[in-house]
């Protein structure tokens, strides 16, 4: 998880992380070695929007193979700016759908990470921070 410092954002990130860990995902020390990165944003100013965009771009630049899920205020307010084609974002999830993130990641991994014989490989890492 990669999230801003707002209290509610941290609580949301902790809940999402608990759900993902319960589904068998493992936390990674940083985004550079994660298979999936959840960026949980809380932006109310243009400067905070810029910071969120920079974080998303940095994650994609450091780990272009990672599937990036963007959620929170910035995802809600500017879903078009989180286009998968321009930033490496795999999924944009609005605030009202945050509880669905673990299921959505499971579906995304089923589509991208099937192993030999159609078996689904569990993702190795999930960024936590």
C-alpha atoms as a PDB file:
ATOM      1  CA  UNK A   1       0.000   0.000   0.000  1.00  0.00           C
ATOM      2  CA  UNK A   2       1.145   3.492  -0.767  1.00  0.00           C
ATOM      3  CA  UNK A   3      -0.978   6.159   0.875  1.00  0.00           C
ATOM      4  CA  UNK A   4      -1.018   9.793   1.875  1.00  0.00           C
ATOM      5  CA  UNK A   5      -0.792  10.934   5.486  1.00  0.00           C
ATOM      6  CA  UNK A   6      -4.461  11.722   6.152  1.00  0.00           C
ATOM      7  CA  UNK A   7      -5.835   9.773   9.121  1.00  0.00           C
ATOM      8  CA  UNK A   8      -8.827   8.290   7.310  1.00  0.00           C
ATOM      9  CA  UNK A   9      -6.619   7.377   4.364  1.00  0.00           C
ATOM     10  CA  UNK A  10      -4.282   5.494   6.700  1.00  0.00           C
ATOM     11  CA  UNK A  11      -7.215   3.663   8.288  1.00  0.00           C
ATOM     12  CA  UNK A  12      -8.588   2.743   4.850  1.00  0.00           C
ATOM     13  CA  UNK A  13      -5.143   1.558   3.729  1.00  0.00           C
ATOM     14  CA  UNK A  14      -4.758  -0.603   6.838  1.00  0.00           C
ATOM     15  CA  UNK A  15      -8.167  -2.204   6.216  1.00  0.00           C
ATOM     16  CA  UNK A  16      -7.357  -2.902   2.556  1.00  0.00           C
ATOM     17  CA  UNK A  17      -3.973  -4.337   3.508  1.00  0.00           C
ATOM     18  CA  UNK A  18      -5.536  -6.637   6.150  1.00  0.00           C
ATOM     19  CA  UNK A  19      -8.027  -7.931   3.572  1.00  0.00           C
ATOM     20  CA  UNK A  20      -5.280  -8.570   1.025  1.00  0.00           C
ATOM     21  CA  UNK A  21      -3.059 -10.322   3.568  1.00  0.00           C
ATOM     22  CA  UNK A  22      -6.040 -12.501   4.553  1.00  0.00           C
ATOM     23  CA  UNK A  23      -6.377 -13.493   0.869  1.00  0.00           C
ATOM     24  CA  UNK A  24      -2.780 -14.718   0.779  1.00  0.00           C
ATOM     25  CA  UNK A  25      -0.939 -11.679  -0.556  1.00  0.00           C
ATOM     26  CA  UNK A  26       2.421 -10.856   1.007  1.00  0.00           C
ATOM     27  CA  UNK A  27       3.697  -7.381   1.860  1.00  0.00           C
ATOM     28  CA  UNK A  28       6.750  -6.162  -0.015  1.00  0.00           C
ATOM     29  CA  UNK A  29       9.316  -3.752   1.432  1.00  0.00           C
ATOM     30  CA  UNK A  30       8.819  -1.282  -1.410  1.00  0.00           C
ATOM     31  CA  UNK A  31       7.045  -0.800  -4.724  1.00  0.00           C
ATOM     32  CA  UNK A  32      10.085  -1.683  -6.817  1.00  0.00           C
ATOM     33  CA  UNK A  33       9.645  -5.407  -6.138  1.00  0.00           C
ATOM     34  CA  UNK A  34       5.843  -5.607  -5.842  1.00  0.00           C
ATOM     35  CA  UNK A  35       3.502  -7.286  -8.303  1.00  0.00           C
ATOM     36  CA  UNK A  36       0.568  -5.075  -7.274  1.00  0.00           C
ATOM     37  CA  UNK A  37       0.719  -1.587  -5.739  1.00  0.00           C
ATOM     38  CA  UNK A  38      -2.367   0.076  -4.255  1.00  0.00           C
ATOM     39  CA  UNK A  39      -1.985   3.863  -4.198  1.00  0.00           C
ATOM     40  CA  UNK A  40      -4.480   5.284  -1.719  1.00  0.00           C
ATOM     41  CA  UNK A  41      -4.748   9.043  -2.262  1.00  0.00           C
ATOM     42  CA  UNK A  42      -6.231  11.933  -0.340  1.00  0.00           C
ATOM     43  CA  UNK A  43      -5.952  15.168  -2.287  1.00  0.00           C
ATOM     44  CA  UNK A  44      -7.773  18.445  -1.803  1.00  0.00           C
ATOM     45  CA  UNK A  45      -5.327  20.858  -3.421  1.00  0.00           C
ATOM     46  CA  UNK A  46      -3.564  21.117  -6.769  1.00  0.00           C
ATOM     47  CA  UNK A  47      -0.253  20.519  -4.968  1.00  0.00           C
ATOM     48  CA  UNK A  48      -1.600  17.295  -3.444  1.00  0.00           C
ATOM     49  CA  UNK A  49      -2.884  16.205  -6.874  1.00  0.00           C
ATOM     50  CA  UNK A  50       0.584  16.778  -8.285  1.00  0.00           C
ATOM     51  CA  UNK A  51       2.151  14.789  -5.456  1.00  0.00           C
ATOM     52  CA  UNK A  52      -0.232  11.877  -6.138  1.00  0.00           C
ATOM     53  CA  UNK A  53       0.551  11.949  -9.878  1.00  0.00           C
ATOM     54  CA  UNK A  54       4.280  12.055  -9.159  1.00  0.00           C
ATOM     55  CA  UNK A  55       4.011   9.074  -6.803  1.00  0.00           C
ATOM     56  CA  UNK A  56       2.087   7.056  -9.405  1.00  0.00           C
ATOM     57  CA  UNK A  57       4.600   7.925 -12.137  1.00  0.00           C
ATOM     58  CA  UNK A  58       7.549   7.084  -9.857  1.00  0.00           C
ATOM     59  CA  UNK A  59       6.080   3.683  -9.008  1.00  0.00           C
ATOM     60  CA  UNK A  60       5.493   2.952 -12.684  1.00  0.00           C
ATOM     61  CA  UNK A  61       8.988   4.149 -13.627  1.00  0.00           C
ATOM     62  CA  UNK A  62      10.658   2.023 -10.900  1.00  0.00           C
ATOM     63  CA  UNK A  63       8.528  -1.052 -11.581  1.00  0.00           C
ATOM     64  CA  UNK A  64       6.791  -0.961 -14.980  1.00  0.00           C
ATOM     65  CA  UNK A  65       5.605  -4.561 -14.548  1.00  0.00           C
ATOM     66  CA  UNK A  66       3.632  -3.742 -11.380  1.00  0.00           C
ATOM     67  CA  UNK A  67      -0.126  -3.490 -11.658  1.00  0.00           C
ATOM     68  CA  UNK A  68      -1.068  -0.167 -10.039  1.00  0.00           C
ATOM     69  CA  UNK A  69      -4.474   0.337  -8.434  1.00  0.00           C
ATOM     70  CA  UNK A  70      -5.313   3.966  -7.607  1.00  0.00           C
ATOM     71  CA  UNK A  71      -8.044   4.733  -5.085  1.00  0.00           C
ATOM     72  CA  UNK A  72      -9.115   7.552  -2.789  1.00  0.00           C
ATOM     73  CA  UNK A  73      -9.953  11.198  -3.336  1.00  0.00           C
ATOM     74  CA  UNK A  74      -7.698  11.726  -6.349  1.00  0.00           C
ATOM     75  CA  UNK A  75      -9.028   8.626  -8.098  1.00  0.00           C
ATOM     76  CA  UNK A  76     -12.579   9.787  -7.362  1.00  0.00           C
ATOM     77  CA  UNK A  77     -12.074  13.375  -8.537  1.00  0.00           C
ATOM     78  CA  UNK A  78      -9.823  12.767 -11.561  1.00  0.00           C
ATOM     79  CA  UNK A  79     -10.355   9.239 -12.900  1.00  0.00           C
ATOM     80  CA  UNK A  80      -9.407  10.296 -16.436  1.00  0.00           C
ATOM     81  CA  UNK A  81      -6.007  11.549 -15.288  1.00  0.00           C
ATOM     82  CA  UNK A  82      -5.273   8.032 -14.035  1.00  0.00           C
ATOM     83  CA  UNK A  83      -5.595   6.515 -17.493  1.00  0.00           C
ATOM     84  CA  UNK A  84      -3.876   3.130 -17.787  1.00  0.00           C
ATOM     85  CA  UNK A  85      -2.372   4.234 -21.085  1.00  0.00           C
ATOM     86  CA  UNK A  86      -0.572   7.286 -19.707  1.00  0.00           C
ATOM     87  CA  UNK A  87       0.527   6.289 -16.211  1.00  0.00           C
ATOM     88  CA  UNK A  88       0.706   2.515 -15.987  1.00  0.00           C
ATOM     89  CA  UNK A  89      -2.428   2.420 -13.855  1.00  0.00           C
ATOM     90  CA  UNK A  90      -4.267  -0.896 -14.144  1.00  0.00           C
ATOM     91  CA  UNK A  91      -7.384   0.037 -12.201  1.00  0.00           C
ATOM     92  CA  UNK A  92      -8.997   3.201 -10.790  1.00  0.00           C
ATOM     93  CA  UNK A  93     -11.302   2.550  -7.840  1.00  0.00           C
ATOM     94  CA  UNK A  94     -13.542   5.258  -6.386  1.00  0.00           C
ATOM     95  CA  UNK A  95     -14.022   5.713  -2.654  1.00  0.00           C
ATOM     96  CA  UNK A  96     -17.365   3.942  -2.585  1.00  0.00           C
ATOM     97  CA  UNK A  97     -15.762   0.799  -4.042  1.00  0.00           C
ATOM     98  CA  UNK A  98     -12.671   0.587  -1.793  1.00  0.00           C
ATOM     99  CA  UNK A  99     -14.008  -2.534  -0.038  1.00  0.00           C
ATOM    100  CA  UNK A 100     -14.000  -4.251  -3.455  1.00  0.00           C
ATOM    101  CA  UNK A 101     -10.265  -3.749  -4.040  1.00  0.00           C
ATOM    102  CA  UNK A 102      -9.172  -7.219  -2.816  1.00  0.00           C
ATOM    103  CA  UNK A 103     -11.751  -8.880  -5.098  1.00  0.00           C
ATOM    104  CA  UNK A 104     -10.790  -6.648  -8.038  1.00  0.00           C
ATOM    105  CA  UNK A 105      -7.103  -7.435  -7.558  1.00  0.00           C
ATOM    106  CA  UNK A 106      -7.974 -11.137  -7.498  1.00  0.00           C
ATOM    107  CA  UNK A 107      -9.842 -10.769 -10.789  1.00  0.00           C
ATOM    108  CA  UNK A 108      -7.031  -8.722 -12.287  1.00  0.00           C
ATOM    109  CA  UNK A 109      -4.477 -11.339 -11.289  1.00  0.00           C
ATOM    110  CA  UNK A 110      -6.647 -14.104 -12.705  1.00  0.00           C
ATOM    111  CA  UNK A 111      -6.600 -12.282 -16.030  1.00  0.00           C
ATOM    112  CA  UNK A 112      -2.851 -11.535 -16.013  1.00  0.00           C
ATOM    113  CA  UNK A 113      -1.166 -14.203 -13.885  1.00  0.00           C
ATOM    114  CA  UNK A 114      -2.381 -17.574 -15.015  1.00  0.00           C
ATOM    115  CA  UNK A 115       0.339 -20.170 -14.947  1.00  0.00           C
ATOM    116  CA  UNK A 116       0.820 -23.396 -16.913  1.00  0.00           C
ATOM    117  CA  UNK A 117      -2.358 -25.375 -17.412  1.00  0.00           C
ATOM    118  CA  UNK A 118      -4.530 -22.363 -16.592  1.00  0.00           C
ATOM    119  CA  UNK A 119      -3.616 -22.374 -12.902  1.00  0.00           C
ATOM    120  CA  UNK A 120      -3.590 -19.038 -11.171  1.00  0.00           C
ATOM    121  CA  UNK A 121      -0.327 -18.130  -9.513  1.00  0.00           C
ATOM    122  CA  UNK A 122      -0.691 -16.165  -6.303  1.00  0.00           C
ATOM    123  CA  UNK A 123       1.049 -12.777  -6.496  1.00  0.00           C
ATOM    124  CA  UNK A 124       4.365 -12.676  -4.700  1.00  0.00           C
ATOM    125  CA  UNK A 125       4.269  -9.199  -3.199  1.00  0.00           C
ATOM    126  CA  UNK A 126       2.046  -6.276  -2.331  1.00  0.00           C
ATOM    127  CA  UNK A 127       3.614  -2.905  -1.604  1.00  0.00           C
ATOM    128  CA  UNK A 128       3.075  -1.775   1.973  1.00  0.00           C
ATOM    129  CA  UNK A 129       4.167   1.591   3.177  1.00  0.00           C
END
